[in-house]
Amino acid sequence: MVFTVKSRNQTELIDITAKIQDAVLSAGIGQGLCMLYVPHTTAAITINESADPSVKDDILMIIDQIIPWKAGYRHLEGNSPAHIKSTLVGSSELIAIENDRLVLGTWQGIFFCEFDGPRTRKVHVRLIAEKFQE
């Protein structure tokens, strides 16, 4: 399965947990793994707290402090900070599935990380059913 995410800002964390959970429920695989992959060099995916929206703001604030937009980068496109941010966060996540539910902590959510928006992006979802041997 592939779905699109539309960002509205240059940097943004978009909660995609419900979309992924719906895909898991629809597949009905019971037990297994959910692999998520973002095929973009200026975007990423991560798992973090989803209960308090200020956590997203804090994450973006610190990432922007660590990797500022103006720092004498050589890349002609002008989006080197977005490439660096996506490298640090990562392009994939692997999540266990138990009883057709993502195994996430109480406060955890899955976030698409936009670092060079606004854009329309893709998220690839692969579900792997666990095979039991008896």
C-alpha atoms as a PDB file:
ATOM      1  CA  MET A   1       0.000   0.000   0.000  1.00  0.00           C
ATOM      2  CA  VAL A   2       1.143   3.516  -0.787  1.00  0.00           C
ATOM      3  CA  PHE A   3      -0.609   6.666   0.402  1.00  0.00           C
ATOM      4  CA  THR A   4       0.082  10.362   0.068  1.00  0.00           C
ATOM      5  CA  VAL A   5       0.711  12.977   2.724  1.00  0.00           C
ATOM      6  CA  LYS A   6       0.280  16.678   1.989  1.00  0.00           C
ATOM      7  CA  SER A   7       2.291  19.056   4.115  1.00  0.00           C
ATOM      8  CA  ARG A   8       1.413  22.716   4.577  1.00  0.00           C
ATOM      9  CA  ASN A   9       4.680  24.060   6.034  1.00  0.00           C
ATOM     10  CA  GLN A  10       8.399  23.925   5.331  1.00  0.00           C
ATOM     11  CA  THR A  11       8.950  21.757   8.421  1.00  0.00           C
ATOM     12  CA  GLU A  12       6.136  19.777   9.965  1.00  0.00           C
ATOM     13  CA  LEU A  13       5.385  16.549  11.826  1.00  0.00           C
ATOM     14  CA  ILE A  14       2.142  14.954  10.605  1.00  0.00           C
ATOM     15  CA  ASP A  15       0.519  12.227  12.699  1.00  0.00           C
ATOM     16  CA  ILE A  16      -0.249   9.272  10.400  1.00  0.00           C
ATOM     17  CA  THR A  17      -0.939   6.693  13.125  1.00  0.00           C
ATOM     18  CA  ALA A  18      -4.661   6.291  12.375  1.00  0.00           C
ATOM     19  CA  LYS A  19      -4.002   5.784   8.656  1.00  0.00           C
ATOM     20  CA  ILE A  20      -1.454   3.050   9.379  1.00  0.00           C
ATOM     21  CA  GLN A  21      -3.672   1.378  11.993  1.00  0.00           C
ATOM     22  CA  ASP A  22      -6.569   1.339   9.501  1.00  0.00           C
ATOM     23  CA  ALA A  23      -4.330  -0.432   6.974  1.00  0.00           C
ATOM     24  CA  VAL A  24      -3.352  -3.012   9.599  1.00  0.00           C
ATOM     25  CA  LEU A  25      -6.998  -3.652  10.548  1.00  0.00           C
ATOM     26  CA  SER A  26      -8.055  -3.946   6.901  1.00  0.00           C
ATOM     27  CA  ALA A  27      -5.340  -6.495   6.192  1.00  0.00           C
ATOM     28  CA  GLY A  28      -6.413  -8.688   9.105  1.00  0.00           C
ATOM     29  CA  ILE A  29      -3.028 -10.367   9.468  1.00  0.00           C
ATOM     30  CA  GLY A  30      -3.307 -10.732  13.244  1.00  0.00           C
ATOM     31  CA  GLN A  31       0.373 -10.976  14.156  1.00  0.00           C
ATOM     32  CA  GLY A  32       3.309  -9.676  12.169  1.00  0.00           C
ATOM     33  CA  LEU A  33       5.250  -6.603  11.198  1.00  0.00           C
ATOM     34  CA  CYS A  34       4.436  -3.242   9.671  1.00  0.00           C
ATOM     35  CA  MET A  35       7.262  -1.698   7.656  1.00  0.00           C
ATOM     36  CA  LEU A  36       6.961   1.992   6.778  1.00  0.00           C
ATOM     37  CA  TYR A  37       9.211   3.675   4.233  1.00  0.00           C
ATOM     38  CA  VAL A  38       9.424   7.249   2.956  1.00  0.00           C
ATOM     39  CA  PRO A  39      11.086   7.425  -0.508  1.00  0.00           C
ATOM     40  CA  HIS A  40      12.176  11.051  -0.244  1.00  0.00           C
ATOM     41  CA  THR A  41      15.562  12.590   0.569  1.00  0.00           C
ATOM     42  CA  THR A  42      14.089  15.572   2.424  1.00  0.00           C
ATOM     43  CA  ALA A  43      11.418  13.783   4.479  1.00  0.00           C
ATOM     44  CA  ALA A  44      11.469  11.121   7.179  1.00  0.00           C
ATOM     45  CA  ILE A  45       9.358   9.020   9.523  1.00  0.00           C
ATOM     46  CA  THR A  46       9.558   8.638  13.287  1.00  0.00           C
ATOM     47  CA  ILE A  47       7.703   7.404  16.354  1.00  0.00           C
ATOM     48  CA  ASN A  48       7.275   9.765  19.286  1.00  0.00           C
ATOM     49  CA  GLU A  49       4.733  11.196  21.700  1.00  0.00           C
ATOM     50  CA  SER A  50       1.399  12.027  20.100  1.00  0.00           C
ATOM     51  CA  ALA A  51      -0.633  13.002  23.182  1.00  0.00           C
ATOM     52  CA  ASP A  52       0.765  16.512  23.643  1.00  0.00           C
ATOM     53  CA  PRO A  53       1.095  18.552  20.414  1.00  0.00           C
ATOM     54  CA  SER A  54       3.780  20.736  21.982  1.00  0.00           C
ATOM     55  CA  VAL A  55       6.212  17.790  21.743  1.00  0.00           C
ATOM     56  CA  LYS A  56       6.101  18.060  17.925  1.00  0.00           C
ATOM     57  CA  ASP A  57       6.833  21.789  18.194  1.00  0.00           C
ATOM     58  CA  ASP A  58       9.731  21.175  20.584  1.00  0.00           C
ATOM     59  CA  ILE A  59      11.247  18.527  18.292  1.00  0.00           C
ATOM     60  CA  LEU A  60      11.082  20.834  15.277  1.00  0.00           C
ATOM     61  CA  MET A  61      12.438  23.780  17.280  1.00  0.00           C
ATOM     62  CA  ILE A  62      15.532  21.857  18.396  1.00  0.00           C
ATOM     63  CA  ILE A  63      16.143  20.250  14.997  1.00  0.00           C
ATOM     64  CA  ASP A  64      16.010  23.737  13.430  1.00  0.00           C
ATOM     65  CA  GLN A  65      18.488  25.022  16.052  1.00  0.00           C
ATOM     66  CA  ILE A  66      20.879  22.139  15.436  1.00  0.00           C
ATOM     67  CA  ILE A  67      20.547  22.361  11.635  1.00  0.00           C
ATOM     68  CA  PRO A  68      19.777  25.978  10.690  1.00  0.00           C
ATOM     69  CA  TRP A  69      18.520  26.962   7.235  1.00  0.00           C
ATOM     70  CA  LYS A  70      21.372  29.423   6.696  1.00  0.00           C
ATOM     71  CA  ALA A  71      24.829  28.010   7.277  1.00  0.00           C
ATOM     72  CA  GLY A  72      26.831  28.320   4.055  1.00  0.00           C
ATOM     73  CA  TYR A  73      25.692  25.032   2.535  1.00  0.00           C
ATOM     74  CA  ARG A  74      27.050  24.156  -0.937  1.00  0.00           C
ATOM     75  CA  HIS A  75      24.045  22.298  -2.373  1.00  0.00           C
ATOM     76  CA  LEU A  76      22.676  24.503  -5.168  1.00  0.00           C
ATOM     77  CA  GLU A  77      19.018  23.634  -4.554  1.00  0.00           C
ATOM     78  CA  GLY A  78      19.163  25.371  -1.190  1.00  0.00           C
ATOM     79  CA  ASN A  79      17.620  22.528   0.794  1.00  0.00           C
ATOM     80  CA  SER A  80      20.698  20.937   2.381  1.00  0.00           C
ATOM     81  CA  PRO A  81      19.250  21.349   5.881  1.00  0.00           C
ATOM     82  CA  ALA A  82      16.270  19.197   4.838  1.00  0.00           C
ATOM     83  CA  HIS A  83      18.604  16.473   3.535  1.00  0.00           C
ATOM     84  CA  ILE A  84      20.571  16.486   6.787  1.00  0.00           C
ATOM     85  CA  LYS A  85      17.423  16.408   8.954  1.00  0.00           C
ATOM     86  CA  SER A  86      15.962  13.467   7.033  1.00  0.00           C
ATOM     87  CA  THR A  87      19.252  11.581   7.344  1.00  0.00           C
ATOM     88  CA  LEU A  88      19.286  12.057  11.108  1.00  0.00           C
ATOM     89  CA  VAL A  89      15.640  11.052  11.625  1.00  0.00           C
ATOM     90  CA  GLY A  90      15.557   8.190   9.103  1.00  0.00           C
ATOM     91  CA  SER A  91      13.432   6.983   6.223  1.00  0.00           C
ATOM     92  CA  SER A  92      11.812   3.886   7.755  1.00  0.00           C
ATOM     93  CA  GLU A  93      10.227   2.323  10.820  1.00  0.00           C
ATOM     94  CA  LEU A  94       9.428  -1.282  11.713  1.00  0.00           C
ATOM     95  CA  ILE A  95       6.530  -1.870  14.107  1.00  0.00           C
ATOM     96  CA  ALA A  96       5.250  -5.127  15.576  1.00  0.00           C
ATOM     97  CA  ILE A  97       1.589  -6.077  15.093  1.00  0.00           C
ATOM     98  CA  GLU A  98      -0.322  -8.076  17.712  1.00  0.00           C
ATOM     99  CA  ASN A  99      -4.021  -8.922  17.414  1.00  0.00           C
ATOM    100  CA  ASP A 100      -4.402  -6.594  14.398  1.00  0.00           C
ATOM    101  CA  ARG A 101      -3.037  -3.635  16.416  1.00  0.00           C
ATOM    102  CA  LEU A 102       0.220  -1.737  16.073  1.00  0.00           C
ATOM    103  CA  VAL A 103       2.382  -2.328  19.132  1.00  0.00           C
ATOM    104  CA  LEU A 104       2.913   1.254  20.245  1.00  0.00           C
ATOM    105  CA  GLY A 105       3.355   2.679  23.708  1.00  0.00           C
ATOM    106  CA  THR A 106       0.470   4.492  25.392  1.00  0.00           C
ATOM    107  CA  TRP A 107       1.620   7.927  24.229  1.00  0.00           C
ATOM    108  CA  GLN A 108       3.326   6.954  20.969  1.00  0.00           C
ATOM    109  CA  GLY A 109       2.260   7.950  17.489  1.00  0.00           C
ATOM    110  CA  ILE A 110       3.761   7.619  14.015  1.00  0.00           C
ATOM    111  CA  PHE A 111       4.801  10.856  12.351  1.00  0.00           C
ATOM    112  CA  PHE A 112       5.627  11.765   8.788  1.00  0.00           C
ATOM    113  CA  CYS A 113       8.393  14.373   9.014  1.00  0.00           C
ATOM    114  CA  GLU A 114       8.379  17.087   6.373  1.00  0.00           C
ATOM    115  CA  PHE A 115      11.615  19.056   6.116  1.00  0.00           C
ATOM    116  CA  ASP A 116      11.243  20.729   2.697  1.00  0.00           C
ATOM    117  CA  GLY A 117       7.583  21.550   2.245  1.00  0.00           C
ATOM    118  CA  PRO A 118       4.959  22.203   1.506  1.00  0.00           C
ATOM    119  CA  ARG A 119       4.772  19.147  -0.748  1.00  0.00           C
ATOM    120  CA  THR A 120       2.787  16.039  -1.559  1.00  0.00           C
ATOM    121  CA  ARG A 121       4.721  12.953  -0.471  1.00  0.00           C
ATOM    122  CA  LYS A 122       4.388   9.170  -0.421  1.00  0.00           C
ATOM    123  CA  VAL A 123       4.507   6.687   2.431  1.00  0.00           C
ATOM    124  CA  HIS A 124       4.936   2.996   1.599  1.00  0.00           C
ATOM    125  CA  VAL A 125       3.361   0.458   3.956  1.00  0.00           C
ATOM    126  CA  ARG A 126       4.269  -3.238   3.877  1.00  0.00           C
ATOM    127  CA  LEU A 127       2.562  -5.703   6.186  1.00  0.00           C
ATOM    128  CA  ILE A 128       4.183  -9.046   6.889  1.00  0.00           C
ATOM    129  CA  ALA A 129       2.079 -11.768   8.491  1.00  0.00           C
ATOM    130  CA  GLU A 130       3.708 -13.966  11.077  1.00  0.00           C
ATOM    131  CA  LYS A 131       3.673 -17.641  10.122  1.00  0.00           C
ATOM    132  CA  PHE A 132       3.459 -20.075  13.008  1.00  0.00           C
ATOM    133  CA  GLN A 133       4.981 -23.525  12.753  1.00  0.00           C
ATOM    134  CA  GLU A 134       3.236 -26.262  14.701  1.00  0.00           C
END
